[in-house]
Amino acid sequence: MLDSDEQDILNYLGTCPKQFVSGREICRRAAGKKRFSDEPYWATQVLMRMVEKKLIEVDASGHYRIKQDKRDEEKRKRWISPEIEKLLRESGKDFDGLIEPGTSGEDQTL
């Protein structure tokens, strides 16, 4: 069960799910101008509570983002076809991490 402050924060962090956002920016943007002008640090206690509930994660510099699921990252990594996977595995070479999913070959230098 989430209260309205937690829901506001999750809705805001959902707009940029992979990016860490500062607590100050969350206070400023998650609930609107009036809430920020009345209570500039309203989200600090809520953010700590959400970290304890493991709804969000915090980095070393104190920025927050929605908790990332490791299984989602593994689901995105897949071969184009089973035949290509079989051929590359039989070659004996290691192709893991060579080209990450979601990027084109021209973007990366090998």
Protein backbone atom coordinates (compact mmCIF):
# COMPACT_ATOMS: atom_id res chain seq x y z
CA MET A 1 0.00 0.00 0.00
CA LEU A 2 1.46 3.34 -1.06
CA ASP A 3 0.49 6.72 0.28
CA SER A 4 -0.01 9.70 -2.04
CA ASP A 5 3.52 11.08 -1.53
CA GLU A 6 5.09 7.74 -2.45
CA GLN A 7 2.84 7.50 -5.49
CA ASP A 8 3.82 11.03 -6.61
CA ILE A 9 7.50 10.15 -6.32
CA LEU A 10 7.10 6.86 -8.21
CA ASN A 11 5.14 8.61 -10.96
CA TYR A 12 7.90 11.22 -11.33
CA LEU A 13 10.73 8.68 -11.25
CA GLY A 14 8.82 6.61 -13.82
CA THR A 15 9.34 9.36 -16.37
CA CYS A 16 13.09 8.61 -16.34
CA PRO A 17 13.41 5.03 -15.02
CA LYS A 18 17.12 4.44 -15.64
CA GLN A 19 18.38 7.85 -14.57
CA PHE A 20 19.34 8.79 -11.01
CA VAL A 21 17.65 12.00 -9.82
CA SER A 22 18.64 14.16 -6.86
CA GLY A 23 16.38 14.41 -3.84
CA ARG A 24 16.14 18.15 -4.33
CA GLU A 25 14.90 17.68 -7.89
CA ILE A 26 12.32 15.15 -6.70
CA CYS A 27 11.10 17.63 -4.06
CA ARG A 28 10.82 20.29 -6.76
CA ARG A 29 9.07 18.34 -9.49
CA ALA A 30 7.17 15.37 -8.03
CA ALA A 31 4.25 17.16 -6.37
CA GLY A 32 4.12 20.57 -8.02
CA LYS A 33 5.15 24.16 -7.38
CA LYS A 34 2.81 24.86 -4.50
CA ARG A 35 3.94 21.85 -2.49
CA PHE A 36 7.59 22.77 -3.07
CA SER A 37 7.09 26.41 -2.08
CA ASP A 38 5.18 25.44 1.09
CA GLU A 39 7.52 22.61 2.10
CA PRO A 40 10.85 22.51 0.14
CA TYR A 41 12.14 19.28 1.71
CA TRP A 42 8.89 17.34 1.88
CA ALA A 43 10.23 14.24 0.09
CA THR A 44 13.35 13.50 2.16
CA GLN A 45 11.63 11.32 4.77
CA VAL A 46 9.45 9.68 2.13
CA LEU A 47 12.51 8.82 0.01
CA MET A 48 14.26 7.17 2.97
CA ARG A 49 11.13 5.15 3.70
CA MET A 50 10.90 4.07 0.06
CA VAL A 51 14.55 2.94 0.07
CA GLU A 52 13.84 0.82 3.17
CA LYS A 53 10.82 -0.70 1.40
CA LYS A 54 13.12 -1.38 -1.61
CA LEU A 55 10.85 0.49 -4.01
CA ILE A 56 13.68 2.76 -5.13
CA GLU A 57 17.46 2.61 -4.98
CA VAL A 58 20.04 5.23 -4.08
CA ASP A 59 23.56 5.69 -5.47
CA ALA A 60 26.70 6.84 -3.65
CA SER A 61 25.97 10.52 -4.27
CA GLY A 62 22.44 10.37 -2.81
CA HIS A 63 20.48 10.31 -6.05
CA TYR A 64 17.43 8.07 -6.48
CA ARG A 65 15.80 5.97 -9.19
CA ILE A 66 13.21 3.23 -9.46
CA LYS A 67 14.62 -0.15 -8.45
CA GLN A 68 15.96 -1.97 -11.50
CA ASP A 69 15.19 -5.66 -11.86
CA LYS A 70 18.13 -7.82 -12.91
CA ARG A 71 15.80 -10.26 -14.68
CA ASP A 72 14.62 -7.49 -17.04
CA GLU A 73 18.20 -6.90 -18.19
CA GLU A 74 18.70 -10.61 -18.86
CA LYS A 75 15.43 -10.81 -20.81
CA ARG A 76 16.62 -8.08 -23.18
CA LYS A 77 19.80 -10.01 -24.02
CA ARG A 78 18.92 -12.56 -26.66
CA TRP A 79 20.22 -13.82 -29.95
CA ILE A 80 18.71 -12.85 -33.30
CA SER A 81 18.13 -16.50 -34.10
CA PRO A 82 18.97 -19.85 -32.50
CA GLU A 83 21.00 -20.86 -35.56
CA ILE A 84 23.32 -17.84 -35.25
CA GLU A 85 23.73 -18.51 -31.54
CA LYS A 86 24.67 -22.14 -32.26
CA LEU A 87 27.22 -21.16 -34.92
CA LEU A 88 28.88 -18.53 -32.73
CA ARG A 89 29.01 -20.81 -29.68
CA GLU A 90 30.56 -23.60 -31.76
CA SER A 91 33.27 -21.20 -32.96
CA GLY A 92 34.70 -21.19 -29.43
CA LYS A 93 34.97 -17.41 -29.23
CA ASP A 94 33.38 -15.28 -26.51
CA PHE A 95 30.94 -12.69 -27.88
CA ASP A 96 29.33 -11.63 -24.58
CA GLY A 97 29.35 -7.86 -24.13
CA LEU A 98 30.77 -7.18 -27.58
CA ILE A 99 27.68 -5.31 -28.76
CA GLU A 100 25.06 -4.43 -26.18
CA PRO A 101 21.36 -4.73 -27.01
CA GLY A 102 19.70 -1.49 -28.03
CA THR A 103 22.78 -0.06 -29.75
CA SER A 104 23.77 -0.25 -33.37
CA GLY A 105 27.13 -1.58 -34.50
CA GLU A 106 28.12 1.80 -35.95
CA ASP A 107 27.76 3.51 -32.55
CA GLN A 108 30.38 1.38 -30.83
CA THR A 109 34.05 1.12 -31.60
CA LEU A 110 35.56 -2.32 -31.21
